[in-house]
Amino acid sequence: MADKNDVLDKEFDFSKAKKNPYTKMLKKQITININTSTIDYFKTESERTGIPYQTLINLYLTDCAENDRHLNFSWK
């Protein structure tokens, strides 16, 4: 029985293959605790925009990171 890799090598020419340009944009699944009111806010925005709320949260955090935004808060 032929090895799966042998079959691929015989049927496909990977010599001109290019590296995936989107690998830097891959997402990583994490677990995070978010306040219920914050989730409700993004779910409401999701209904308004038609964009899934998790995508909205990711877009917001990405915008913060790309624009080097910093939190302004103080402990009381």
N, C-alpha and C. Protein backbone atom coordinates (compact mmCIF):
# COMPACT_ATOMS: atom_id res chain seq x y z
N MET A 1 0.85 -1.19 0.00
CA MET A 1 0.00 0.00 0.00
C MET A 1 0.89 1.25 0.00
N ALA A 2 0.57 2.19 -0.86
CA ALA A 2 1.38 3.39 -1.00
C ALA A 2 1.14 4.35 0.15
N ASP A 3 2.19 5.01 0.56
CA ASP A 3 2.11 6.03 1.59
C ASP A 3 1.37 7.24 1.02
N LYS A 4 0.56 7.91 1.84
CA LYS A 4 -0.21 9.07 1.40
C LYS A 4 0.70 10.15 0.81
N ASN A 5 1.85 10.38 1.44
CA ASN A 5 2.78 11.41 0.94
C ASN A 5 3.34 11.03 -0.42
N ASP A 6 3.59 9.74 -0.66
CA ASP A 6 4.09 9.30 -1.96
C ASP A 6 3.07 9.60 -3.05
N VAL A 7 1.81 9.35 -2.76
CA VAL A 7 0.74 9.61 -3.73
C VAL A 7 0.66 11.10 -4.04
N LEU A 8 0.72 11.94 -2.99
CA LEU A 8 0.67 13.39 -3.20
C LEU A 8 1.84 13.86 -4.04
N ASP A 9 3.04 13.36 -3.75
CA ASP A 9 4.23 13.77 -4.50
C ASP A 9 4.14 13.38 -5.96
N LYS A 10 3.53 12.25 -6.25
CA LYS A 10 3.42 11.78 -7.63
C LYS A 10 2.35 12.54 -8.40
N GLU A 11 1.28 12.94 -7.72
CA GLU A 11 0.15 13.56 -8.41
C GLU A 11 0.22 15.09 -8.47
N PHE A 12 0.94 15.70 -7.54
CA PHE A 12 0.99 17.16 -7.47
C PHE A 12 2.43 17.64 -7.48
N ASP A 13 2.67 18.73 -8.19
CA ASP A 13 4.00 19.34 -8.25
C ASP A 13 4.03 20.53 -7.29
N PHE A 14 4.71 20.37 -6.17
CA PHE A 14 4.80 21.43 -5.18
C PHE A 14 6.06 22.28 -5.34
N SER A 15 6.80 22.08 -6.39
CA SER A 15 8.07 22.78 -6.56
C SER A 15 7.88 24.30 -6.74
N LYS A 16 6.72 24.71 -7.23
CA LYS A 16 6.47 26.14 -7.42
C LYS A 16 5.48 26.68 -6.39
N ALA A 17 5.29 25.94 -5.33
CA ALA A 17 4.34 26.36 -4.29
C ALA A 17 4.85 27.60 -3.58
N LYS A 18 3.92 28.46 -3.18
CA LYS A 18 4.26 29.69 -2.46
C LYS A 18 3.75 29.57 -1.03
N LYS A 19 4.48 30.19 -0.12
CA LYS A 19 4.08 30.20 1.28
C LYS A 19 2.77 30.99 1.42
N ASN A 20 1.87 30.51 2.25
CA ASN A 20 0.59 31.16 2.47
C ASN A 20 0.81 32.55 3.08
N PRO A 21 0.39 33.62 2.39
CA PRO A 21 0.62 34.97 2.92
C PRO A 21 -0.29 35.31 4.11
N TYR A 22 -1.27 34.48 4.36
CA TYR A 22 -2.23 34.76 5.42
C TYR A 22 -1.88 34.08 6.75
N THR A 23 -0.77 33.37 6.82
CA THR A 23 -0.43 32.65 8.05
C THR A 23 -0.24 33.59 9.22
N LYS A 24 0.19 34.83 8.96
CA LYS A 24 0.36 35.79 10.05
C LYS A 24 -0.98 36.27 10.58
N MET A 25 -2.04 36.05 9.83
CA MET A 25 -3.36 36.52 10.23
C MET A 25 -4.18 35.42 10.91
N LEU A 26 -3.57 34.27 11.17
CA LEU A 26 -4.30 33.18 11.80
C LEU A 26 -4.75 33.57 13.19
N LYS A 27 -5.85 33.00 13.60
CA LYS A 27 -6.39 33.30 14.93
C LYS A 27 -6.03 32.16 15.88
N LYS A 28 -5.96 32.49 17.15
CA LYS A 28 -5.68 31.51 18.19
C LYS A 28 -6.85 31.52 19.16
N GLN A 29 -7.38 30.35 19.42
CA GLN A 29 -8.50 30.25 20.35
C GLN A 29 -7.98 30.37 21.77
N ILE A 30 -8.64 31.22 22.56
CA ILE A 30 -8.28 31.40 23.97
C ILE A 30 -9.55 31.38 24.81
N THR A 31 -9.36 31.34 26.10
CA THR A 31 -10.47 31.48 27.05
C THR A 31 -10.26 32.80 27.77
N ILE A 32 -11.31 33.61 27.82
CA ILE A 32 -11.22 34.93 28.45
C ILE A 32 -12.51 35.20 29.20
N ASN A 33 -12.41 35.83 30.35
CA ASN A 33 -13.59 36.21 31.11
C ASN A 33 -13.96 37.64 30.76
N ILE A 34 -15.18 37.83 30.28
CA ILE A 34 -15.68 39.14 29.89
C ILE A 34 -16.99 39.39 30.63
N ASN A 35 -17.15 40.60 31.13
CA ASN A 35 -18.39 40.96 31.84
C ASN A 35 -19.61 40.73 30.96
N THR A 36 -20.69 40.30 31.59
CA THR A 36 -21.94 40.04 30.87
C THR A 36 -22.42 41.30 30.14
N SER A 37 -22.29 42.45 30.80
CA SER A 37 -22.76 43.70 30.16
C SER A 37 -21.94 44.02 28.91
N THR A 38 -20.67 43.68 28.91
CA THR A 38 -19.82 43.91 27.74
C THR A 38 -20.23 42.99 26.60
N ILE A 39 -20.49 41.74 26.93
CA ILE A 39 -20.95 40.79 25.91
C ILE A 39 -22.29 41.24 25.34
N ASP A 40 -23.18 41.68 26.23
CA ASP A 40 -24.49 42.18 25.77
C ASP A 40 -24.33 43.36 24.82
N TYR A 41 -23.40 44.25 25.12
CA TYR A 41 -23.13 45.39 24.24
C TYR A 41 -22.74 44.91 22.85
N PHE A 42 -21.78 43.98 22.78
CA PHE A 42 -21.33 43.50 21.47
C PHE A 42 -22.40 42.66 20.77
N LYS A 43 -23.24 41.97 21.53
CA LYS A 43 -24.34 41.23 20.90
C LYS A 43 -25.36 42.20 20.29
N THR A 44 -25.62 43.31 20.96
CA THR A 44 -26.52 44.33 20.42
C THR A 44 -25.92 44.94 19.15
N GLU A 45 -24.62 45.23 19.20
CA GLU A 45 -23.93 45.74 18.01
C GLU A 45 -23.97 44.71 16.88
N SER A 46 -23.88 43.45 17.25
CA SER A 46 -23.94 42.36 16.27
C SER A 46 -25.28 42.36 15.55
N GLU A 47 -26.35 42.53 16.30
CA GLU A 47 -27.69 42.57 15.69
C GLU A 47 -27.83 43.79 14.77
N ARG A 48 -27.24 44.91 15.19
CA ARG A 48 -27.32 46.15 14.41
C ARG A 48 -26.52 46.06 13.12
N THR A 49 -25.34 45.43 13.20
CA THR A 49 -24.44 45.41 12.05
C THR A 49 -24.52 44.14 11.21
N GLY A 50 -25.04 43.07 11.81
CA GLY A 50 -25.07 41.79 11.10
C GLY A 50 -23.73 41.05 11.15
N ILE A 51 -22.81 41.54 11.97
CA ILE A 51 -21.50 40.91 12.14
C ILE A 51 -21.52 40.12 13.45
N PRO A 52 -21.07 38.86 13.45
CA PRO A 52 -21.06 38.08 14.70
C PRO A 52 -20.33 38.82 15.83
N TYR A 53 -20.86 38.72 17.04
CA TYR A 53 -20.32 39.50 18.15
C TYR A 53 -18.87 39.16 18.46
N GLN A 54 -18.47 37.89 18.29
CA GLN A 54 -17.07 37.53 18.54
C GLN A 54 -16.16 38.18 17.51
N THR A 55 -16.63 38.32 16.29
CA THR A 55 -15.86 39.00 15.26
C THR A 55 -15.73 40.48 15.60
N LEU A 56 -16.81 41.09 16.10
CA LEU A 56 -16.76 42.49 16.51
C LEU A 56 -15.74 42.71 17.63
N ILE A 57 -15.74 41.82 18.61
CA ILE A 57 -14.76 41.93 19.70
C ILE A 57 -13.35 41.83 19.15
N ASN A 58 -13.12 40.87 18.23
CA ASN A 58 -11.81 40.72 17.63
C ASN A 58 -11.43 41.96 16.83
N LEU A 59 -12.36 42.51 16.07
CA LEU A 59 -12.07 43.72 15.29
C LEU A 59 -11.71 44.89 16.20
N TYR A 60 -12.43 45.01 17.30
CA TYR A 60 -12.15 46.11 18.24
C TYR A 60 -10.77 45.96 18.87
N LEU A 61 -10.45 44.76 19.33
CA LEU A 61 -9.14 44.53 19.94
C LEU A 61 -8.02 44.69 18.92
N THR A 62 -8.25 44.24 17.69
CA THR A 62 -7.26 44.40 16.63
C THR A 62 -7.01 45.88 16.36
N ASP A 63 -8.08 46.67 16.30
CA ASP A 63 -7.94 48.10 16.09
C ASP A 63 -7.11 48.73 17.21
N CYS A 64 -7.36 48.33 18.45
CA CYS A 64 -6.59 48.86 19.58
C CYS A 64 -5.11 48.52 19.44
N ALA A 65 -4.82 47.28 19.08
CA ALA A 65 -3.43 46.84 18.95
C ALA A 65 -2.73 47.53 17.78
N GLU A 66 -3.41 47.62 16.63
CA GLU A 66 -2.79 48.21 15.45
C GLU A 66 -2.56 49.71 15.60
N ASN A 67 -3.39 50.37 16.38
CA ASN A 67 -3.26 51.81 16.57
C ASN A 67 -2.58 52.17 17.88
N ASP A 68 -2.01 51.17 18.54
CA ASP A 68 -1.24 51.35 19.78
C ASP A 68 -2.02 52.15 20.82
N ARG A 69 -3.29 51.81 20.97
CA ARG A 69 -4.13 52.50 21.95
C ARG A 69 -3.78 52.00 23.35
N HIS A 70 -3.84 52.90 24.32
CA HIS A 70 -3.55 52.54 25.71
C HIS A 70 -4.74 52.91 26.58
N LEU A 71 -4.99 52.10 27.58
CA LEU A 71 -6.08 52.37 28.51
C LEU A 71 -5.71 53.55 29.40
N ASN A 72 -6.70 54.32 29.74
CA ASN A 72 -6.52 55.44 30.66
C ASN A 72 -7.43 55.18 31.85
N PHE A 73 -6.86 54.68 32.92
CA PHE A 73 -7.67 54.36 34.09
C PHE A 73 -6.83 54.56 35.35
N SER A 74 -7.54 54.65 36.48
CA SER A 74 -6.85 54.75 37.77
C SER A 74 -7.60 53.93 38.80
N TRP A 75 -6.88 53.38 39.74
CA TRP A 75 -7.47 52.57 40.81
C TRP A 75 -7.95 53.51 41.91
N LYS A 76 -9.15 53.29 42.38
CA LYS A 76 -9.69 54.13 43.47
C LYS A 76 -9.91 53.30 44.69
